Amino acid sequence: MTDSIDKRKAQHIELVLNEKVTGDNITTGFENYRFIHNALPEINFNDISIDTQFLGKMLKAPFLVSSMTGGAAMAETINRNLAIAAEEQGWAFALGSTRALIENEKYRESFQIRKYAPTIPIIANLGAVQFNYGFGVDKCRQIIEMTESDMLVLHLNSMQEIIQDEGDHNFKDLLGKIEQVCRQLDIPVGVKEVGFGIDGTTAKTLADVGISFIDVAGAGGTSWSQVEKLRSKNKIKKVAAEAFSSWGIPTAESIVSVKEAVDQPIIASGGIQNGVEAAKAIALGADMVGYARAILKEATQSPEDLIELFETRELELRMSMFGIGAATIRQLKETDRIK
């Protein structure tokens, strides 16, 4: 079991880096929105602040290193580089699925990044379906303790699990188990999709049982049914996956739907490429914006390459704010200059 997890995690990294893993005929939806340029912003660009907070944790920018990896040899280098850069720039950091942390000691250090990131918020991550396969509150506490995390996010990846040759298919009666975890842990617990989006109705159901934040992780970026199609040795699954290449809720639509349904903080992730799209996501209702595949290549290289990329995303965000006359993240969230 542990060897197969190691191999799977390594394959995921290689495929996302080197193959076409996006869906077909589906986008994030941000191209449907435009900012109305303000030719007279009446602010000093140098006074623009992108500082923010998320569930009481201060951030220098409203950005998150989205959940990507852990539990493989290459993952240790990637997570170390990401942690160093995130600490330097004051971004939050979400770990990849920590199931491997519990089931395999071999690459445990790939999840233990606190030594590289002593001050930023770290979000541990576990597949909610694991509550039907032996995981519970005690193992969640173990994960939090071992990773020194500030929050826990439970990922929902039903479509991925069906195409994945080793997938877990039993998503029955998870809501009550999610509620138990929310009530028994003393840190915020959120929920995220993995690239197919969350709608407002589902978000409201989750909020009602105690979920503290929602990461929409919408469609338009990496499609994990397509990733697993490339890994699969099952001909039927490979063919079936093609029918779902345009499946999911575009990220922009998911943000709007969730914002209308709940008051919980929203993380926007799923195919976001630059700071302009991040600004759109915040203007539509997001509190924080996550990047994953868009920063993975630099993550394999060095913290310096990542820091340069992070600074670029931050400049793009500030320029977007300047272009509509928003001096703070709050003003960006409240702007009426997006159509």
Protein backbone atom coordinates (compact mmCIF):
# COMPACT_ATOMS: atom_id res chain seq x y z
CA MET A 1 0.00 0.00 0.00
CA THR A 2 2.66 2.52 1.01
CA ASP A 3 4.82 1.77 -2.02
CA SER A 4 1.81 2.35 -4.29
CA ILE A 5 1.13 5.72 -2.62
CA ASP A 6 4.78 6.76 -3.14
CA LYS A 7 4.60 5.76 -6.79
CA ARG A 8 1.25 7.47 -7.33
CA LYS A 9 2.41 10.76 -5.81
CA ALA A 10 5.55 10.75 -7.96
CA GLN A 11 3.50 10.00 -11.07
CA HIS A 12 1.12 12.86 -10.25
CA ILE A 13 4.01 15.32 -10.11
CA GLU A 14 5.51 14.12 -13.39
CA LEU A 15 2.19 14.14 -15.24
CA VAL A 16 1.13 17.58 -14.04
CA LEU A 17 4.53 18.99 -14.97
CA ASN A 18 4.86 17.38 -18.38
CA GLU A 19 1.49 16.36 -19.83
CA LYS A 20 -1.75 18.05 -20.83
CA VAL A 21 -3.86 17.60 -17.73
CA THR A 22 -6.41 20.35 -18.23
CA GLY A 23 -9.94 19.65 -19.39
CA ASP A 24 -11.33 20.38 -22.84
CA ASN A 25 -13.90 23.04 -23.71
CA ILE A 26 -14.04 24.36 -20.17
CA THR A 27 -12.35 27.40 -18.65
CA THR A 28 -12.18 29.10 -15.27
CA GLY A 29 -14.78 31.63 -16.42
CA PHE A 30 -12.71 34.67 -15.48
CA GLU A 31 -12.59 35.72 -19.14
CA ASN A 32 -16.30 36.52 -18.77
CA TYR A 33 -15.55 39.31 -16.30
CA ARG A 34 -13.79 42.62 -16.87
CA PHE A 35 -12.73 45.41 -14.59
CA ILE A 36 -13.94 48.87 -15.54
CA HIS A 37 -10.76 50.91 -15.78
CA ASN A 38 -10.59 54.00 -13.57
CA ALA A 39 -8.45 56.58 -15.35
CA LEU A 40 -8.36 58.75 -12.21
CA PRO A 41 -7.77 56.35 -9.30
CA GLU A 42 -6.96 59.14 -6.79
CA ILE A 43 -4.57 56.92 -4.85
CA ASN A 44 -0.79 56.61 -4.63
CA PHE A 45 0.29 53.27 -6.08
CA ASN A 46 2.95 53.01 -3.37
CA ASP A 47 0.24 53.21 -0.69
CA ILE A 48 -1.68 50.19 -1.95
CA SER A 49 -1.82 47.48 0.71
CA ILE A 50 -2.45 43.83 -0.06
CA ASP A 51 -2.15 42.77 3.58
CA THR A 52 -5.12 40.73 4.75
CA GLN A 53 -6.19 38.16 7.31
CA PHE A 54 -7.78 34.76 7.00
CA LEU A 55 -9.57 33.29 10.01
CA GLY A 56 -7.51 35.50 12.30
CA LYS A 57 -4.16 34.72 10.65
CA MET A 58 -2.31 37.67 9.15
CA LEU A 59 -0.96 37.46 5.60
CA LYS A 60 1.22 39.86 3.62
CA ALA A 61 -0.80 38.96 0.54
CA PRO A 62 -4.16 37.22 -0.01
CA PHE A 63 -2.41 34.27 -1.61
CA LEU A 64 -2.15 30.57 -0.88
CA VAL A 65 0.16 27.85 -2.08
CA SER A 66 -2.61 25.39 -2.92
CA SER A 67 -2.46 21.73 -1.95
CA MET A 68 -0.17 19.89 -4.34
CA THR A 69 2.05 17.12 -3.07
CA GLY A 70 3.78 15.16 -0.35
CA GLY A 71 4.80 11.59 0.27
CA ALA A 72 7.33 11.17 -2.54
CA ALA A 73 11.03 11.91 -2.97
CA MET A 74 10.56 14.87 -5.30
CA ALA A 75 7.79 16.23 -3.07
CA GLU A 76 10.24 16.98 -0.28
CA THR A 77 12.23 19.37 -2.51
CA ILE A 78 9.07 20.95 -3.90
CA ASN A 79 7.50 21.55 -0.50
CA ARG A 80 10.74 22.88 0.98
CA ASN A 81 11.12 25.40 -1.84
CA LEU A 82 7.48 26.41 -1.59
CA ALA A 83 7.65 26.80 2.19
CA ILE A 84 10.75 29.00 2.07
CA ALA A 85 9.19 31.24 -0.59
CA ALA A 86 5.80 31.39 1.13
CA GLU A 87 7.44 32.37 4.41
CA GLU A 88 9.45 35.10 2.68
CA GLN A 89 6.40 36.56 0.94
CA GLY A 90 3.86 35.95 3.70
CA TRP A 91 1.61 33.57 1.77
CA ALA A 92 -0.41 30.77 3.38
CA PHE A 93 0.61 27.17 2.60
CA ALA A 94 -1.70 24.18 2.11
CA LEU A 95 -0.12 20.74 2.18
CA GLY A 96 -0.89 17.92 -0.20
CA SER A 97 -2.95 14.99 1.04
CA THR A 98 -1.52 13.83 4.38
CA ARG A 99 -2.83 10.28 4.15
CA ALA A 100 0.68 9.29 3.09
CA LEU A 101 2.07 10.99 6.20
CA ILE A 102 0.21 8.50 8.37
CA GLU A 103 0.59 5.39 6.22
CA ASN A 104 4.24 5.75 5.20
CA GLU A 105 7.18 7.02 7.25
CA LYS A 106 9.53 7.06 4.27
CA TYR A 107 8.79 10.59 3.05
CA ARG A 108 7.23 11.97 6.21
CA GLU A 109 9.55 14.97 6.16
CA SER A 110 8.00 16.15 2.91
CA PHE A 111 5.00 17.23 4.99
CA GLN A 112 6.94 18.69 7.92
CA ILE A 113 7.68 22.18 6.61
CA ARG A 114 7.18 24.26 9.73
CA LYS A 115 10.94 24.59 10.20
CA TYR A 116 11.09 26.43 6.87
CA ALA A 117 7.93 28.45 7.50
CA PRO A 118 7.75 29.39 11.18
CA THR A 119 5.18 32.20 10.97
CA ILE A 120 2.77 31.65 8.06
CA PRO A 121 -0.51 29.72 8.30
CA ILE A 122 -0.13 26.06 7.34
CA ILE A 123 -3.21 24.08 6.30
CA ALA A 124 -3.11 20.29 6.58
CA ASN A 125 -5.11 18.34 4.01
CA LEU A 126 -6.92 14.99 4.05
CA GLY A 127 -9.38 13.33 1.71
CA ALA A 128 -12.80 13.31 3.38
CA VAL A 129 -13.46 9.86 1.88
CA GLN A 130 -10.78 8.47 4.23
CA PHE A 131 -13.35 8.76 7.04
CA ASN A 132 -14.95 5.69 5.45
CA TYR A 133 -11.59 3.88 5.34
CA GLY A 134 -10.31 3.96 8.90
CA PHE A 135 -9.48 7.62 9.49
CA GLY A 136 -11.20 9.64 12.20
CA VAL A 137 -10.74 12.47 14.66
CA ASP A 138 -7.71 10.86 16.32
CA LYS A 139 -5.78 10.57 13.06
CA CYS A 140 -6.75 14.14 12.18
CA ARG A 141 -5.24 15.26 15.48
CA GLN A 142 -2.12 13.22 14.73
CA ILE A 143 -1.79 14.90 11.32
CA ILE A 144 -2.21 18.37 12.84
CA GLU A 145 0.37 17.65 15.53
CA MET A 146 2.91 16.17 13.12
CA THR A 147 2.60 19.02 10.61
CA GLU A 148 2.13 21.80 13.21
CA SER A 149 -0.77 23.05 11.13
CA ASP A 150 -3.12 25.92 11.93
CA MET A 151 -6.09 24.56 9.98
CA LEU A 152 -7.32 21.39 8.30
CA VAL A 153 -8.95 21.17 4.88
CA LEU A 154 -10.86 18.07 3.81
CA HIS A 155 -10.75 17.49 0.08
CA LEU A 156 -13.61 16.06 -1.96
CA ASN A 157 -12.37 14.22 -5.03
CA SER A 158 -15.13 11.84 -6.01
CA MET A 159 -14.58 11.94 -9.78
CA GLN A 160 -10.83 11.45 -9.39
CA GLU A 161 -11.30 8.42 -7.16
CA ILE A 162 -13.48 6.65 -9.74
CA ILE A 163 -10.91 6.95 -12.54
CA GLN A 164 -7.95 6.27 -10.25
CA ASP A 165 -7.06 2.57 -10.43
CA GLU A 166 -6.51 2.48 -6.64
CA GLY A 167 -9.48 4.78 -5.93
CA ASP A 168 -11.77 4.76 -2.88
CA HIS A 169 -15.40 4.80 -4.04
CA ASN A 170 -17.46 4.94 -0.84
CA PHE A 171 -18.56 8.54 -0.33
CA LYS A 172 -21.68 7.48 1.61
CA ASP A 173 -22.64 9.20 4.89
CA LEU A 174 -19.61 11.48 4.99
CA LEU A 175 -21.47 14.60 6.11
CA GLY A 176 -22.02 13.36 9.66
CA LYS A 177 -18.38 12.35 9.95
CA ILE A 178 -17.27 15.76 8.67
CA GLU A 179 -19.50 17.34 11.32
CA GLN A 180 -17.89 15.21 14.04
CA VAL A 181 -14.42 16.35 12.99
CA CYS A 182 -15.50 20.00 12.94
CA ARG A 183 -16.95 19.75 16.43
CA GLN A 184 -14.08 17.85 18.02
CA LEU A 185 -11.05 19.65 16.58
CA ASP A 186 -9.99 22.95 18.09
CA ILE A 187 -8.74 24.46 14.82
CA PRO A 188 -10.75 25.64 11.79
CA VAL A 189 -11.79 22.88 9.39
CA GLY A 190 -12.53 23.66 5.75
CA VAL A 191 -13.53 21.75 2.64
CA LYS A 192 -12.12 21.91 -0.87
CA GLU A 193 -12.78 20.30 -4.21
CA VAL A 194 -9.82 19.30 -6.38
CA GLY A 195 -10.75 20.92 -9.69
CA PHE A 196 -14.45 20.38 -10.33
CA GLY A 197 -15.87 23.14 -8.12
CA ILE A 198 -18.34 23.50 -5.26
CA ASP A 199 -21.81 24.98 -5.69
CA GLY A 200 -23.70 27.15 -3.22
CA THR A 201 -26.10 24.41 -2.13
CA THR A 202 -23.26 22.05 -1.19
CA ALA A 203 -21.39 24.91 0.52
CA LYS A 204 -24.47 25.71 2.63
CA THR A 205 -24.83 22.05 3.62
CA LEU A 206 -21.18 22.01 4.72
CA ALA A 207 -21.41 25.32 6.55
CA ASP A 208 -24.42 24.05 8.47
CA VAL A 209 -22.37 21.20 9.99
CA GLY A 210 -19.53 23.46 11.10
CA ILE A 211 -17.17 23.93 8.15
CA SER A 212 -15.19 27.16 8.68
CA PHE A 213 -14.12 27.89 5.09
CA ILE A 214 -14.71 26.73 1.53
CA ASP A 215 -12.04 26.34 -1.16
CA VAL A 216 -14.05 26.20 -4.38
CA ALA A 217 -11.21 24.60 -6.43
CA GLY A 218 -13.19 25.05 -9.61
CA ALA A 219 -12.85 23.76 -13.14
CA GLY A 220 -10.59 25.33 -15.73
CA GLY A 221 -7.24 24.22 -14.37
CA THR A 222 -5.93 20.72 -13.68
CA SER A 223 -8.54 18.02 -14.23
CA TRP A 224 -7.77 15.08 -11.98
CA SER A 225 -9.94 12.73 -14.01
CA GLN A 226 -7.58 13.50 -16.90
CA VAL A 227 -4.50 13.01 -14.71
CA GLU A 228 -5.77 9.63 -13.56
CA LYS A 229 -6.68 8.72 -17.15
CA LEU A 230 -3.01 9.07 -18.05
CA ARG A 231 -2.02 6.81 -15.13
CA SER A 232 -4.72 4.19 -15.55
CA LYS A 233 -4.08 0.74 -16.96
CA ASN A 234 -7.83 0.14 -17.24
CA LYS A 235 -9.00 0.64 -20.82
CA ILE A 236 -12.63 1.20 -19.84
CA LYS A 237 -11.72 3.88 -17.31
CA LYS A 238 -9.41 5.62 -19.78
CA VAL A 239 -12.19 5.84 -22.35
CA ALA A 240 -14.80 6.89 -19.78
CA ALA A 241 -12.56 9.68 -18.48
CA GLU A 242 -12.69 11.33 -21.91
CA ALA A 243 -16.42 11.92 -21.46
CA PHE A 244 -15.63 14.05 -18.39
CA SER A 245 -12.97 16.27 -19.93
CA SER A 246 -15.34 19.26 -19.77
CA TRP A 247 -16.92 18.36 -16.41
CA GLY A 248 -17.13 20.77 -13.50
CA ILE A 249 -18.15 24.21 -12.31
CA PRO A 250 -15.87 26.97 -13.63
CA THR A 251 -13.95 28.64 -10.81
CA ALA A 252 -15.53 32.07 -11.29
CA GLU A 253 -19.06 30.60 -11.28
CA SER A 254 -18.27 28.58 -8.19
CA ILE A 255 -17.07 31.66 -6.27
CA VAL A 256 -20.28 33.54 -7.09
CA SER A 257 -22.50 30.59 -6.18
CA VAL A 258 -20.78 29.94 -2.85
CA LYS A 259 -20.65 33.65 -1.96
CA GLU A 260 -24.42 33.92 -2.43
CA ALA A 261 -25.04 30.90 -0.19
CA VAL A 262 -22.72 31.23 2.83
CA ASP A 263 -20.89 33.76 5.00
CA GLN A 264 -17.85 31.54 5.50
CA PRO A 265 -14.50 32.71 4.07
CA ILE A 266 -13.87 31.56 0.51
CA ILE A 267 -10.61 30.45 -1.09
CA ALA A 268 -10.56 30.71 -4.87
CA SER A 269 -8.44 28.10 -6.61
CA GLY A 270 -8.64 26.15 -9.83
CA GLY A 271 -6.70 27.30 -12.87
CA ILE A 272 -5.87 30.81 -11.67
CA GLN A 273 -2.84 31.98 -13.63
CA ASN A 274 -2.00 35.55 -12.64
CA GLY A 275 -2.69 38.47 -10.35
CA VAL A 276 -5.39 39.95 -12.59
CA GLU A 277 -7.44 36.76 -12.31
CA ALA A 278 -6.74 36.78 -8.57
CA ALA A 279 -8.10 40.34 -8.36
CA LYS A 280 -11.22 39.25 -10.24
CA ALA A 281 -11.66 36.32 -7.85
CA ILE A 282 -11.47 38.64 -4.83
CA ALA A 283 -13.84 41.15 -6.41
CA LEU A 284 -16.31 38.29 -7.01
CA GLY A 285 -16.20 37.23 -3.36
CA ALA A 286 -13.04 35.29 -2.54
CA ASP A 287 -10.99 36.06 0.57
CA MET A 288 -7.84 34.27 -0.54
CA VAL A 289 -6.55 32.96 -3.87
CA GLY A 290 -4.63 29.72 -4.39
CA TYR A 291 -2.04 28.76 -7.00
CA ALA A 292 -0.95 25.19 -7.73
CA ARG A 293 0.09 23.99 -11.19
CA ALA A 294 0.90 27.60 -12.18
CA ILE A 295 3.79 27.59 -9.69
CA LEU A 296 4.81 23.92 -9.79
CA LYS A 297 7.61 24.27 -12.35
CA GLU A 298 9.37 26.96 -10.29
CA ALA A 299 8.80 24.87 -7.17
CA THR A 300 11.00 22.13 -8.65
CA GLN A 301 13.79 24.67 -9.22
CA SER A 302 14.51 26.96 -6.27
CA PRO A 303 13.00 29.27 -3.64
CA GLU A 304 14.51 32.20 -5.55
CA ASP A 305 12.59 31.33 -8.72
CA LEU A 306 9.42 31.04 -6.67
CA ILE A 307 9.97 34.35 -4.89
CA GLU A 308 10.38 36.10 -8.25
CA LEU A 309 7.14 34.51 -9.45
CA PHE A 310 5.33 35.38 -6.21
CA GLU A 311 6.48 39.00 -6.50
CA THR A 312 5.14 39.09 -10.06
CA ARG A 313 1.71 37.84 -8.95
CA GLU A 314 1.69 40.46 -6.18
CA LEU A 315 2.59 43.27 -8.61
CA GLU A 316 -0.18 42.16 -10.98
CA LEU A 317 -2.65 42.26 -8.09
CA ARG A 318 -1.52 45.75 -7.03
CA MET A 319 -1.71 47.01 -10.62
CA SER A 320 -5.25 45.65 -10.93
CA MET A 321 -6.20 47.44 -7.73
CA PHE A 322 -4.57 50.66 -8.97
CA GLY A 323 -6.48 50.35 -12.23
CA ILE A 324 -9.83 50.49 -10.42
CA GLY A 325 -8.81 52.80 -7.57
CA ALA A 326 -8.82 50.22 -4.76
CA ALA A 327 -6.20 50.92 -2.09
CA THR A 328 -6.91 47.89 0.11
CA ILE A 329 -8.13 44.32 -0.22
CA ARG A 330 -11.37 45.37 1.49
CA GLN A 331 -11.93 48.02 -1.17
CA LEU A 332 -11.22 45.44 -3.88
CA LYS A 333 -13.81 43.12 -2.33
CA GLU A 334 -16.38 45.92 -2.27
CA THR A 335 -15.71 47.31 -5.77
CA ASP A 336 -18.51 47.74 -8.27
CA ARG A 337 -15.98 48.03 -11.10
CA ILE A 338 -16.28 44.45 -12.28
CA LYS A 339 -18.81 43.40 -14.87
